[in-house]
Amino acid sequence: GRIDVLVNSAGHGPRAQIIEISDEDWHK
């Protein structure tokens, strides 16, 4: 009946050389 704390963690997103990241991977 209540929520006092929300903790947002995350997995790992795409990695590549900066101009080689596709639109799809930026959205990911």
mmCIF file of all heavy atoms, coordinates in Angstrom:
data_MODEL
# 
_entry.id   MODEL 
# 
loop_
_atom_site.group_PDB 
_atom_site.id 
_atom_site.type_symbol 
_atom_site.label_atom_id 
_atom_site.label_alt_id 
_atom_site.label_comp_id 
_atom_site.label_asym_id 
_atom_site.label_entity_id 
_atom_site.label_seq_id 
_atom_site.pdbx_PDB_ins_code 
_atom_site.Cartn_x 
_atom_site.Cartn_y 
_atom_site.Cartn_z 
_atom_site.occupancy 
_atom_site.B_iso_or_equiv 
_atom_site.pdbx_formal_charge 
_atom_site.auth_seq_id 
_atom_site.auth_comp_id 
_atom_site.auth_asym_id 
_atom_site.auth_atom_id 
_atom_site.pdbx_PDB_model_num 
ATOM 1   N N   . GLY A 1 1  ? 0.774  -1.238 0.000   1.00 0.00 ? 1  GLY A N   1 
ATOM 2   C CA  . GLY A 1 1  ? 0.000  0.000  0.000   1.00 0.00 ? 1  GLY A CA  1 
ATOM 3   C C   . GLY A 1 1  ? 0.798  1.277  0.000   1.00 0.00 ? 1  GLY A C   1 
ATOM 4   O O   . GLY A 1 1  ? 0.235  2.365  0.162   1.00 0.00 ? 1  GLY A O   1 
ATOM 5   N N   . ARG A 1 2  ? 2.116  1.200  -0.199  1.00 0.00 ? 2  ARG A N   1 
ATOM 6   C CA  . ARG A 1 2  ? 2.942  2.401  -0.217  1.00 0.00 ? 2  ARG A CA  1 
ATOM 7   C C   . ARG A 1 2  ? 4.269  2.099  -0.895  1.00 0.00 ? 2  ARG A C   1 
ATOM 8   O O   . ARG A 1 2  ? 4.680  0.936  -1.016  1.00 0.00 ? 2  ARG A O   1 
ATOM 9   C CB  . ARG A 1 2  ? 3.181  2.926  1.189   1.00 0.00 ? 2  ARG A CB  1 
ATOM 10  C CG  . ARG A 1 2  ? 3.930  1.974  2.097   1.00 0.00 ? 2  ARG A CG  1 
ATOM 11  C CD  . ARG A 1 2  ? 4.078  2.506  3.517   1.00 0.00 ? 2  ARG A CD  1 
ATOM 12  N NE  . ARG A 1 2  ? 4.834  3.742  3.563   1.00 0.00 ? 2  ARG A NE  1 
ATOM 13  C CZ  . ARG A 1 2  ? 4.317  4.920  3.947   1.00 0.00 ? 2  ARG A CZ  1 
ATOM 14  N NH1 . ARG A 1 2  ? 3.060  5.004  4.319   1.00 0.00 ? 2  ARG A NH1 1 
ATOM 15  N NH2 . ARG A 1 2  ? 5.070  6.004  3.964   1.00 0.00 ? 2  ARG A NH2 1 
ATOM 16  N N   . ILE A 1 3  ? 4.963  3.149  -1.322  1.00 0.00 ? 3  ILE A N   1 
ATOM 17  C CA  . ILE A 1 3  ? 6.334  3.045  -1.836  1.00 0.00 ? 3  ILE A CA  1 
ATOM 18  C C   . ILE A 1 3  ? 7.106  4.225  -1.273  1.00 0.00 ? 3  ILE A C   1 
ATOM 19  O O   . ILE A 1 3  ? 6.764  5.382  -1.530  1.00 0.00 ? 3  ILE A O   1 
ATOM 20  C CB  . ILE A 1 3  ? 6.385  3.036  -3.372  1.00 0.00 ? 3  ILE A CB  1 
ATOM 21  C CG1 . ILE A 1 3  ? 5.689  1.789  -3.934  1.00 0.00 ? 3  ILE A CG1 1 
ATOM 22  C CG2 . ILE A 1 3  ? 7.838  3.096  -3.853  1.00 0.00 ? 3  ILE A CG2 1 
ATOM 23  C CD1 . ILE A 1 3  ? 5.550  1.791  -5.449  1.00 0.00 ? 3  ILE A CD1 1 
ATOM 24  N N   . ASP A 1 4  ? 8.137  3.925  -0.493  1.00 0.00 ? 4  ASP A N   1 
ATOM 25  C CA  . ASP A 1 4  ? 8.916  4.977  0.148   1.00 0.00 ? 4  ASP A CA  1 
ATOM 26  C C   . ASP A 1 4  ? 10.215 5.289  -0.581  1.00 0.00 ? 4  ASP A C   1 
ATOM 27  O O   . ASP A 1 4  ? 10.716 6.410  -0.505  1.00 0.00 ? 4  ASP A O   1 
ATOM 28  C CB  . ASP A 1 4  ? 9.232  4.560  1.585   1.00 0.00 ? 4  ASP A CB  1 
ATOM 29  C CG  . ASP A 1 4  ? 7.973  4.348  2.391   1.00 0.00 ? 4  ASP A CG  1 
ATOM 30  O OD1 . ASP A 1 4  ? 7.383  5.345  2.849   1.00 0.00 ? 4  ASP A OD1 1 
ATOM 31  O OD2 . ASP A 1 4  ? 7.553  3.184  2.530   1.00 0.00 ? 4  ASP A OD2 1 
ATOM 32  N N   . VAL A 1 5  ? 10.761 4.282  -1.253  1.00 0.00 ? 5  VAL A N   1 
ATOM 33  C CA  . VAL A 1 5  ? 12.047 4.433  -1.929  1.00 0.00 ? 5  VAL A CA  1 
ATOM 34  C C   . VAL A 1 5  ? 11.970 3.744  -3.287  1.00 0.00 ? 5  VAL A C   1 
ATOM 35  O O   . VAL A 1 5  ? 11.413 2.652  -3.411  1.00 0.00 ? 5  VAL A O   1 
ATOM 36  C CB  . VAL A 1 5  ? 13.185 3.804  -1.091  1.00 0.00 ? 5  VAL A CB  1 
ATOM 37  C CG1 . VAL A 1 5  ? 14.501 3.802  -1.870  1.00 0.00 ? 5  VAL A CG1 1 
ATOM 38  C CG2 . VAL A 1 5  ? 13.346 4.549  0.222   1.00 0.00 ? 5  VAL A CG2 1 
ATOM 39  N N   . LEU A 1 6  ? 12.523 4.404  -4.284  1.00 0.00 ? 6  LEU A N   1 
ATOM 40  C CA  . LEU A 1 6  ? 12.724 3.809  -5.606  1.00 0.00 ? 6  LEU A CA  1 
ATOM 41  C C   . LEU A 1 6  ? 14.207 3.876  -5.927  1.00 0.00 ? 6  LEU A C   1 
ATOM 42  O O   . LEU A 1 6  ? 14.802 4.953  -5.891  1.00 0.00 ? 6  LEU A O   1 
ATOM 43  C CB  . LEU A 1 6  ? 11.934 4.568  -6.676  1.00 0.00 ? 6  LEU A CB  1 
ATOM 44  C CG  . LEU A 1 6  ? 12.238 4.214  -8.139  1.00 0.00 ? 6  LEU A CG  1 
ATOM 45  C CD1 . LEU A 1 6  ? 11.862 2.774  -8.458  1.00 0.00 ? 6  LEU A CD1 1 
ATOM 46  C CD2 . LEU A 1 6  ? 11.531 5.194  -9.090  1.00 0.00 ? 6  LEU A CD2 1 
ATOM 47  N N   . VAL A 1 7  ? 14.812 2.732  -6.212  1.00 0.00 ? 7  VAL A N   1 
ATOM 48  C CA  . VAL A 1 7  ? 16.209 2.669  -6.629  1.00 0.00 ? 7  VAL A CA  1 
ATOM 49  C C   . VAL A 1 7  ? 16.253 2.189  -8.068  1.00 0.00 ? 7  VAL A C   1 
ATOM 50  O O   . VAL A 1 7  ? 15.764 1.104  -8.389  1.00 0.00 ? 7  VAL A O   1 
ATOM 51  C CB  . VAL A 1 7  ? 17.036 1.714  -5.744  1.00 0.00 ? 7  VAL A CB  1 
ATOM 52  C CG1 . VAL A 1 7  ? 18.480 1.660  -6.240  1.00 0.00 ? 7  VAL A CG1 1 
ATOM 53  C CG2 . VAL A 1 7  ? 16.983 2.150  -4.292  1.00 0.00 ? 7  VAL A CG2 1 
ATOM 54  N N   . ASN A 1 8  ? 16.833 3.009  -8.930  1.00 0.00 ? 8  ASN A N   1 
ATOM 55  C CA  . ASN A 1 8  ? 16.943 2.670  -10.351 1.00 0.00 ? 8  ASN A CA  1 
ATOM 56  C C   . ASN A 1 8  ? 18.378 2.291  -10.682 1.00 0.00 ? 8  ASN A C   1 
ATOM 57  O O   . ASN A 1 8  ? 19.274 3.141  -10.684 1.00 0.00 ? 8  ASN A O   1 
ATOM 58  C CB  . ASN A 1 8  ? 16.503 3.850  -11.219 1.00 0.00 ? 8  ASN A CB  1 
ATOM 59  C CG  . ASN A 1 8  ? 15.027 4.131  -11.073 1.00 0.00 ? 8  ASN A CG  1 
ATOM 60  O OD1 . ASN A 1 8  ? 14.200 3.246  -11.240 1.00 0.00 ? 8  ASN A OD1 1 
ATOM 61  N ND2 . ASN A 1 8  ? 14.685 5.366  -10.743 1.00 0.00 ? 8  ASN A ND2 1 
ATOM 62  N N   . SER A 1 9  ? 18.583 1.014  -10.944 1.00 0.00 ? 9  SER A N   1 
ATOM 63  C CA  . SER A 1 9  ? 19.871 0.538  -11.422 1.00 0.00 ? 9  SER A CA  1 
ATOM 64  C C   . SER A 1 9  ? 19.763 0.294  -12.924 1.00 0.00 ? 9  SER A C   1 
ATOM 65  O O   . SER A 1 9  ? 18.726 0.559  -13.533 1.00 0.00 ? 9  SER A O   1 
ATOM 66  C CB  . SER A 1 9  ? 20.265 -0.739 -10.664 1.00 0.00 ? 9  SER A CB  1 
ATOM 67  O OG  . SER A 1 9  ? 21.588 -1.117 -10.953 1.00 0.00 ? 9  SER A OG  1 
ATOM 68  N N   . ALA A 1 10 ? 20.825 -0.196 -13.538 1.00 0.00 ? 10 ALA A N   1 
ATOM 69  C CA  . ALA A 1 10 ? 20.821 -0.384 -14.991 1.00 0.00 ? 10 ALA A CA  1 
ATOM 70  C C   . ALA A 1 10 ? 21.790 -1.479 -15.380 1.00 0.00 ? 10 ALA A C   1 
ATOM 71  O O   . ALA A 1 10 ? 22.712 -1.811 -14.634 1.00 0.00 ? 10 ALA A O   1 
ATOM 72  C CB  . ALA A 1 10 ? 21.203 0.910  -15.707 1.00 0.00 ? 10 ALA A CB  1 
ATOM 73  N N   . GLY A 1 11 ? 21.570 -2.006 -16.570 1.00 0.00 ? 11 GLY A N   1 
ATOM 74  C CA  . GLY A 1 11 ? 22.521 -2.934 -17.158 1.00 0.00 ? 11 GLY A CA  1 
ATOM 75  C C   . GLY A 1 11 ? 23.582 -2.188 -17.943 1.00 0.00 ? 11 GLY A C   1 
ATOM 76  O O   . GLY A 1 11 ? 23.945 -1.058 -17.602 1.00 0.00 ? 11 GLY A O   1 
ATOM 77  N N   . HIS A 1 12 ? 24.047 -2.798 -19.018 1.00 0.00 ? 12 HIS A N   1 
ATOM 78  C CA  . HIS A 1 12 ? 25.107 -2.197 -19.822 1.00 0.00 ? 12 HIS A CA  1 
ATOM 79  C C   . HIS A 1 12 ? 24.584 -1.903 -21.226 1.00 0.00 ? 12 HIS A C   1 
ATOM 80  O O   . HIS A 1 12 ? 23.989 -2.768 -21.874 1.00 0.00 ? 12 HIS A O   1 
ATOM 81  C CB  . HIS A 1 12 ? 26.322 -3.125 -19.887 1.00 0.00 ? 12 HIS A CB  1 
ATOM 82  C CG  . HIS A 1 12 ? 26.925 -3.412 -18.548 1.00 0.00 ? 12 HIS A CG  1 
ATOM 83  N ND1 . HIS A 1 12 ? 27.673 -2.476 -17.859 1.00 0.00 ? 12 HIS A ND1 1 
ATOM 84  C CD2 . HIS A 1 12 ? 26.858 -4.503 -17.745 1.00 0.00 ? 12 HIS A CD2 1 
ATOM 85  C CE1 . HIS A 1 12 ? 28.060 -2.983 -16.708 1.00 0.00 ? 12 HIS A CE1 1 
ATOM 86  N NE2 . HIS A 1 12 ? 27.574 -4.214 -16.608 1.00 0.00 ? 12 HIS A NE2 1 
ATOM 87  N N   . GLY A 1 13 ? 24.837 -0.677 -21.692 1.00 0.00 ? 13 GLY A N   1 
ATOM 88  C CA  . GLY A 1 13 ? 24.406 -0.269 -23.014 1.00 0.00 ? 13 GLY A CA  1 
ATOM 89  C C   . GLY A 1 13 ? 25.499 -0.425 -24.052 1.00 0.00 ? 13 GLY A C   1 
ATOM 90  O O   . GLY A 1 13 ? 26.611 -0.861 -23.751 1.00 0.00 ? 13 GLY A O   1 
ATOM 91  N N   . PRO A 1 14 ? 25.200 -0.053 -25.285 1.00 0.00 ? 14 PRO A N   1 
ATOM 92  C CA  . PRO A 1 14 ? 26.163 -0.222 -26.380 1.00 0.00 ? 14 PRO A CA  1 
ATOM 93  C C   . PRO A 1 14 ? 27.429 0.605  -26.185 1.00 0.00 ? 14 PRO A C   1 
ATOM 94  O O   . PRO A 1 14 ? 27.404 1.705  -25.629 1.00 0.00 ? 14 PRO A O   1 
ATOM 95  C CB  . PRO A 1 14 ? 25.379 0.278  -27.602 1.00 0.00 ? 14 PRO A CB  1 
ATOM 96  C CG  . PRO A 1 14 ? 23.938 0.192  -27.217 1.00 0.00 ? 14 PRO A CG  1 
ATOM 97  C CD  . PRO A 1 14 ? 23.905 0.468  -25.753 1.00 0.00 ? 14 PRO A CD  1 
ATOM 98  N N   . ARG A 1 15 ? 28.541 0.052  -26.660 1.00 0.00 ? 15 ARG A N   1 
ATOM 99  C CA  . ARG A 1 15 ? 29.835 0.744  -26.622 1.00 0.00 ? 15 ARG A CA  1 
ATOM 100 C C   . ARG A 1 15 ? 30.500 0.604  -27.982 1.00 0.00 ? 15 ARG A C   1 
ATOM 101 O O   . ARG A 1 15 ? 30.514 -0.473 -28.570 1.00 0.00 ? 15 ARG A O   1 
ATOM 102 C CB  . ARG A 1 15 ? 30.739 0.131  -25.555 1.00 0.00 ? 15 ARG A CB  1 
ATOM 103 C CG  . ARG A 1 15 ? 30.257 0.315  -24.152 1.00 0.00 ? 15 ARG A CG  1 
ATOM 104 C CD  . ARG A 1 15 ? 31.057 -0.514 -23.158 1.00 0.00 ? 15 ARG A CD  1 
ATOM 105 N NE  . ARG A 1 15 ? 32.492 -0.227 -23.225 1.00 0.00 ? 15 ARG A NE  1 
ATOM 106 C CZ  . ARG A 1 15 ? 33.410 -0.891 -22.528 1.00 0.00 ? 15 ARG A CZ  1 
ATOM 107 N NH1 . ARG A 1 15 ? 33.054 -1.886 -21.733 1.00 0.00 ? 15 ARG A NH1 1 
ATOM 108 N NH2 . ARG A 1 15 ? 34.686 -0.577 -22.628 1.00 0.00 ? 15 ARG A NH2 1 
ATOM 109 N N   . ALA A 1 16 ? 31.044 1.720  -28.473 1.00 0.00 ? 16 ALA A N   1 
ATOM 110 C CA  . ALA A 1 16 ? 31.792 1.720  -29.728 1.00 0.00 ? 16 ALA A CA  1 
ATOM 111 C C   . ALA A 1 16 ? 32.472 3.076  -29.857 1.00 0.00 ? 16 ALA A C   1 
ATOM 112 O O   . ALA A 1 16 ? 32.237 3.981  -29.051 1.00 0.00 ? 16 ALA A O   1 
ATOM 113 C CB  . ALA A 1 16 ? 30.873 1.469  -30.928 1.00 0.00 ? 16 ALA A CB  1 
ATOM 114 N N   . GLN A 1 17 ? 33.327 3.205  -30.861 1.00 0.00 ? 17 GLN A N   1 
ATOM 115 C CA  . GLN A 1 17 ? 33.922 4.506  -31.151 1.00 0.00 ? 17 GLN A CA  1 
ATOM 116 C C   . GLN A 1 17 ? 32.790 5.492  -31.464 1.00 0.00 ? 17 GLN A C   1 
ATOM 117 O O   . GLN A 1 17 ? 31.799 5.138  -32.092 1.00 0.00 ? 17 GLN A O   1 
ATOM 118 C CB  . GLN A 1 17 ? 34.899 4.361  -32.320 1.00 0.00 ? 17 GLN A CB  1 
ATOM 119 C CG  . GLN A 1 17 ? 35.903 5.484  -32.446 1.00 0.00 ? 17 GLN A CG  1 
ATOM 120 C CD  . GLN A 1 17 ? 35.378 6.660  -33.267 1.00 0.00 ? 17 GLN A CD  1 
ATOM 121 O OE1 . GLN A 1 17 ? 34.363 6.552  -33.954 1.00 0.00 ? 17 GLN A OE1 1 
ATOM 122 N NE2 . GLN A 1 17 ? 36.064 7.784  -33.180 1.00 0.00 ? 17 GLN A NE2 1 
ATOM 123 N N   . ILE A 1 18 ? 32.934 6.723  -31.042 1.00 0.00 ? 18 ILE A N   1 
ATOM 124 C CA  . ILE A 1 18 ? 31.817 7.661  -30.946 1.00 0.00 ? 18 ILE A CA  1 
ATOM 125 C C   . ILE A 1 18 ? 31.041 7.838  -32.258 1.00 0.00 ? 18 ILE A C   1 
ATOM 126 O O   . ILE A 1 18 ? 29.822 7.900  -32.256 1.00 0.00 ? 18 ILE A O   1 
ATOM 127 C CB  . ILE A 1 18 ? 32.299 9.028  -30.388 1.00 0.00 ? 18 ILE A CB  1 
ATOM 128 C CG1 . ILE A 1 18 ? 31.119 9.950  -30.071 1.00 0.00 ? 18 ILE A CG1 1 
ATOM 129 C CG2 . ILE A 1 18 ? 33.282 9.700  -31.319 1.00 0.00 ? 18 ILE A CG2 1 
ATOM 130 C CD1 . ILE A 1 18 ? 30.365 9.571  -28.842 1.00 0.00 ? 18 ILE A CD1 1 
ATOM 131 N N   . ILE A 1 19 ? 31.707 7.911  -33.394 1.00 0.00 ? 19 ILE A N   1 
ATOM 132 C CA  . ILE A 1 19 ? 30.971 8.133  -34.637 1.00 0.00 ? 19 ILE A CA  1 
ATOM 133 C C   . ILE A 1 19 ? 30.544 6.828  -35.298 1.00 0.00 ? 19 ILE A C   1 
ATOM 134 O O   . ILE A 1 19 ? 29.898 6.843  -36.355 1.00 0.00 ? 19 ILE A O   1 
ATOM 135 C CB  . ILE A 1 19 ? 31.771 8.996  -35.643 1.00 0.00 ? 19 ILE A CB  1 
ATOM 136 C CG1 . ILE A 1 19 ? 33.016 8.264  -36.141 1.00 0.00 ? 19 ILE A CG1 1 
ATOM 137 C CG2 . ILE A 1 19 ? 32.096 10.349 -35.048 1.00 0.00 ? 19 ILE A CG2 1 
ATOM 138 C CD1 . ILE A 1 19 ? 33.637 8.942  -37.363 1.00 0.00 ? 19 ILE A CD1 1 
ATOM 139 N N   . GLU A 1 20 ? 30.889 5.699  -34.682 1.00 0.00 ? 20 GLU A N   1 
ATOM 140 C CA  . GLU A 1 20 ? 30.496 4.404  -35.231 1.00 0.00 ? 20 GLU A CA  1 
ATOM 141 C C   . GLU A 1 20 ? 29.258 3.826  -34.554 1.00 0.00 ? 20 GLU A C   1 
ATOM 142 O O   . GLU A 1 20 ? 28.808 2.734  -34.899 1.00 0.00 ? 20 GLU A O   1 
ATOM 143 C CB  . GLU A 1 20 ? 31.663 3.421  -35.128 1.00 0.00 ? 20 GLU A CB  1 
ATOM 144 C CG  . GLU A 1 20 ? 32.856 3.832  -35.987 1.00 0.00 ? 20 GLU A CG  1 
ATOM 145 C CD  . GLU A 1 20 ? 34.065 2.932  -35.786 1.00 0.00 ? 20 GLU A CD  1 
ATOM 146 O OE1 . GLU A 1 20 ? 33.968 1.984  -34.966 1.00 0.00 ? 20 GLU A OE1 1 
ATOM 147 O OE2 . GLU A 1 20 ? 35.091 3.185  -36.434 1.00 0.00 ? 20 GLU A OE2 1 
ATOM 148 N N   . ILE A 1 21 ? 28.703 4.565  -33.604 1.00 0.00 ? 21 ILE A N   1 
ATOM 149 C CA  . ILE A 1 21 ? 27.495 4.095  -32.919 1.00 0.00 ? 21 ILE A CA  1 
ATOM 150 C C   . ILE A 1 21 ? 26.285 4.381  -33.802 1.00 0.00 ? 21 ILE A C   1 
ATOM 151 O O   . ILE A 1 21 ? 26.069 5.520  -34.234 1.00 0.00 ? 21 ILE A O   1 
ATOM 152 C CB  . ILE A 1 21 ? 27.339 4.795  -31.558 1.00 0.00 ? 21 ILE A CB  1 
ATOM 153 C CG1 . ILE A 1 21 ? 28.575 4.529  -30.693 1.00 0.00 ? 21 ILE A CG1 1 
ATOM 154 C CG2 . ILE A 1 21 ? 26.079 4.322  -30.853 1.00 0.00 ? 21 ILE A CG2 1 
ATOM 155 C CD1 . ILE A 1 21 ? 28.620 5.363  -29.430 1.00 0.00 ? 21 ILE A CD1 1 
ATOM 156 N N   . SER A 1 22 ? 25.515 3.368  -34.085 1.00 0.00 ? 22 SER A N   1 
ATOM 157 C CA  . SER A 1 22 ? 24.363 3.505  -34.976 1.00 0.00 ? 22 SER A CA  1 
ATOM 158 C C   . SER A 1 22 ? 23.218 4.221  -34.275 1.00 0.00 ? 22 SER A C   1 
ATOM 159 O O   . SER A 1 22 ? 23.177 4.313  -33.040 1.00 0.00 ? 22 SER A O   1 
ATOM 160 C CB  . SER A 1 22 ? 23.884 2.125  -35.425 1.00 0.00 ? 22 SER A CB  1 
ATOM 161 O OG  . SER A 1 22 ? 23.372 1.400  -34.319 1.00 0.00 ? 22 SER A OG  1 
ATOM 162 N N   . ASP A 1 23 ? 22.260 4.699  -35.063 1.00 0.00 ? 23 ASP A N   1 
ATOM 163 C CA  . ASP A 1 23 ? 21.056 5.295  -34.481 1.00 0.00 ? 23 ASP A CA  1 
ATOM 164 C C   . ASP A 1 23 ? 20.382 4.310  -33.539 1.00 0.00 ? 23 ASP A C   1 
ATOM 165 O O   . ASP A 1 23 ? 19.941 4.677  -32.440 1.00 0.00 ? 23 ASP A O   1 
ATOM 166 C CB  . ASP A 1 23 ? 20.066 5.678  -35.589 1.00 0.00 ? 23 ASP A CB  1 
ATOM 167 C CG  . ASP A 1 23 ? 20.462 6.944  -36.326 1.00 0.00 ? 23 ASP A CG  1 
ATOM 168 O OD1 . ASP A 1 23 ? 21.577 7.450  -36.091 1.00 0.00 ? 23 ASP A OD1 1 
ATOM 169 O OD2 . ASP A 1 23 ? 19.651 7.421  -37.141 1.00 0.00 ? 23 ASP A OD2 1 
ATOM 170 N N   . GLU A 1 24 ? 20.305 3.050  -33.964 1.00 0.00 ? 24 GLU A N   1 
ATOM 171 C CA  . GLU A 1 24 ? 19.659 2.034  -33.143 1.00 0.00 ? 24 GLU A CA  1 
ATOM 172 C C   . GLU A 1 24 ? 20.358 1.893  -31.788 1.00 0.00 ? 24 GLU A C   1 
ATOM 173 O O   . GLU A 1 24 ? 19.705 1.806  -30.742 1.00 0.00 ? 24 GLU A O   1 
ATOM 174 C CB  . GLU A 1 24 ? 19.670 0.693  -33.870 1.00 0.00 ? 24 GLU A CB  1 
ATOM 175 C CG  . GLU A 1 24 ? 19.015 -0.439 -33.086 1.00 0.00 ? 24 GLU A CG  1 
ATOM 176 C CD  . GLU A 1 24 ? 19.101 -1.772 -33.805 1.00 0.00 ? 24 GLU A CD  1 
ATOM 177 O OE1 . GLU A 1 24 ? 19.773 -1.854 -34.854 1.00 0.00 ? 24 GLU A OE1 1 
ATOM 178 O OE2 . GLU A 1 24 ? 18.498 -2.742 -33.300 1.00 0.00 ? 24 GLU A OE2 1 
ATOM 179 N N   . ASP A 1 25 ? 21.698 1.911  -31.794 1.00 0.00 ? 25 ASP A N   1 
ATOM 180 C CA  . ASP A 1 25 ? 22.426 1.762  -30.539 1.00 0.00 ? 25 ASP A CA  1 
ATOM 181 C C   . ASP A 1 25 ? 22.340 3.016  -29.665 1.00 0.00 ? 25 ASP A C   1 
ATOM 182 O O   . ASP A 1 25 ? 22.349 2.908  -28.432 1.00 0.00 ? 25 ASP A O   1 
ATOM 183 C CB  . ASP A 1 25 ? 23.887 1.391  -30.812 1.00 0.00 ? 25 ASP A CB  1 
ATOM 184 C CG  . ASP A 1 25 ? 24.052 -0.094 -31.082 1.00 0.00 ? 25 ASP A CG  1 
ATOM 185 O OD1 . ASP A 1 25 ? 23.094 -0.859 -30.859 1.00 0.00 ? 25 ASP A OD1 1 
ATOM 186 O OD2 . ASP A 1 25 ? 25.139 -0.501 -31.534 1.00 0.00 ? 25 ASP A OD2 1 
ATOM 187 N N   . TRP A 1 26 ? 22.266 4.199  -30.278 1.00 0.00 ? 26 TRP A N   1 
ATOM 188 C CA  . TRP A 1 26 ? 22.034 5.391  -29.462 1.00 0.00 ? 26 TRP A CA  1 
ATOM 189 C C   . TRP A 1 26 ? 20.685 5.280  -28.753 1.00 0.00 ? 26 TRP A C   1 
ATOM 190 O O   . TRP A 1 26 ? 20.556 5.621  -27.565 1.00 0.00 ? 26 TRP A O   1 
ATOM 191 C CB  . TRP A 1 26 ? 22.079 6.660  -30.309 1.00 0.00 ? 26 TRP A CB  1 
ATOM 192 C CG  . TRP A 1 26 ? 23.457 7.171  -30.582 1.00 0.00 ? 26 TRP A CG  1 
ATOM 193 C CD1 . TRP A 1 26 ? 24.089 7.267  -31.790 1.00 0.00 ? 26 TRP A CD1 1 
ATOM 194 C CD2 . TRP A 1 26 ? 24.399 7.675  -29.613 1.00 0.00 ? 26 TRP A CD2 1 
ATOM 195 N NE1 . TRP A 1 26 ? 25.356 7.782  -31.638 1.00 0.00 ? 26 TRP A NE1 1 
ATOM 196 C CE2 . TRP A 1 26 ? 25.575 8.048  -30.323 1.00 0.00 ? 26 TRP A CE2 1 
ATOM 197 C CE3 . TRP A 1 26 ? 24.367 7.840  -28.237 1.00 0.00 ? 26 TRP A CE3 1 
ATOM 198 C CZ2 . TRP A 1 26 ? 26.697 8.575  -29.688 1.00 0.00 ? 26 TRP A CZ2 1 
ATOM 199 C CZ3 . TRP A 1 26 ? 25.480 8.370  -27.593 1.00 0.00 ? 26 TRP A CZ3 1 
ATOM 200 C CH2 . TRP A 1 26 ? 26.624 8.729  -28.317 1.00 0.00 ? 26 TRP A CH2 1 
ATOM 201 N N   . HIS A 1 27 ? 19.676 4.787  -29.463 1.00 0.00 ? 27 HIS A N   1 
ATOM 202 C CA  . HIS A 1 27 ? 18.361 4.623  -28.840 1.00 0.00 ? 27 HIS A CA  1 
ATOM 203 C C   . HIS A 1 27 ? 18.405 3.569  -27.739 1.00 0.00 ? 27 HIS A C   1 
ATOM 204 O O   . HIS A 1 27 ? 17.767 3.720  -26.689 1.00 0.00 ? 27 HIS A O   1 
ATOM 205 C CB  . HIS A 1 27 ? 17.307 4.280  -29.889 1.00 0.00 ? 27 HIS A CB  1 
ATOM 206 C CG  . HIS A 1 27 ? 16.867 5.455  -30.705 1.00 0.00 ? 27 HIS A CG  1 
ATOM 207 N ND1 . HIS A 1 27 ? 16.061 6.453  -30.210 1.00 0.00 ? 27 HIS A ND1 1 
ATOM 208 C CD2 . HIS A 1 27 ? 17.135 5.809  -31.993 1.00 0.00 ? 27 HIS A CD2 1 
ATOM 209 C CE1 . HIS A 1 27 ? 15.846 7.364  -31.139 1.00 0.00 ? 27 HIS A CE1 1 
ATOM 210 N NE2 . HIS A 1 27 ? 16.495 6.999  -32.233 1.00 0.00 ? 27 HIS A NE2 1 
ATOM 211 N N   . LYS A 1 28 ? 19.174 2.485  -27.958 1.00 0.00 ? 28 LYS A N   1 
ATOM 212 C CA  . LYS A 1 28 ? 19.348 1.482  -26.903 1.00 0.00 ? 28 LYS A CA  1 
ATOM 213 C C   . LYS A 1 28 ? 20.026 2.099  -25.681 1.00 0.00 ? 28 LYS A C   1 
ATOM 214 O O   . LYS A 1 28 ? 19.664 1.805  -24.536 1.00 0.00 ? 28 LYS A O   1 
ATOM 215 C CB  . LYS A 1 28 ? 20.189 0.315  -27.420 1.00 0.00 ? 28 LYS A CB  1 
ATOM 216 C CG  . LYS A 1 28 ? 19.462 -0.614 -28.382 1.00 0.00 ? 28 LYS A CG  1 
ATOM 217 C CD  . LYS A 1 28 ? 20.399 -1.732 -28.841 1.00 0.00 ? 28 LYS A CD  1 
ATOM 218 C CE  . LYS A 1 28 ? 19.711 -2.650 -29.845 1.00 0.00 ? 28 LYS A CE  1 
ATOM 219 N NZ  . LYS A 1 28 ? 20.645 -3.688 -30.362 1.00 0.00 ? 28 LYS A NZ  1 
# 
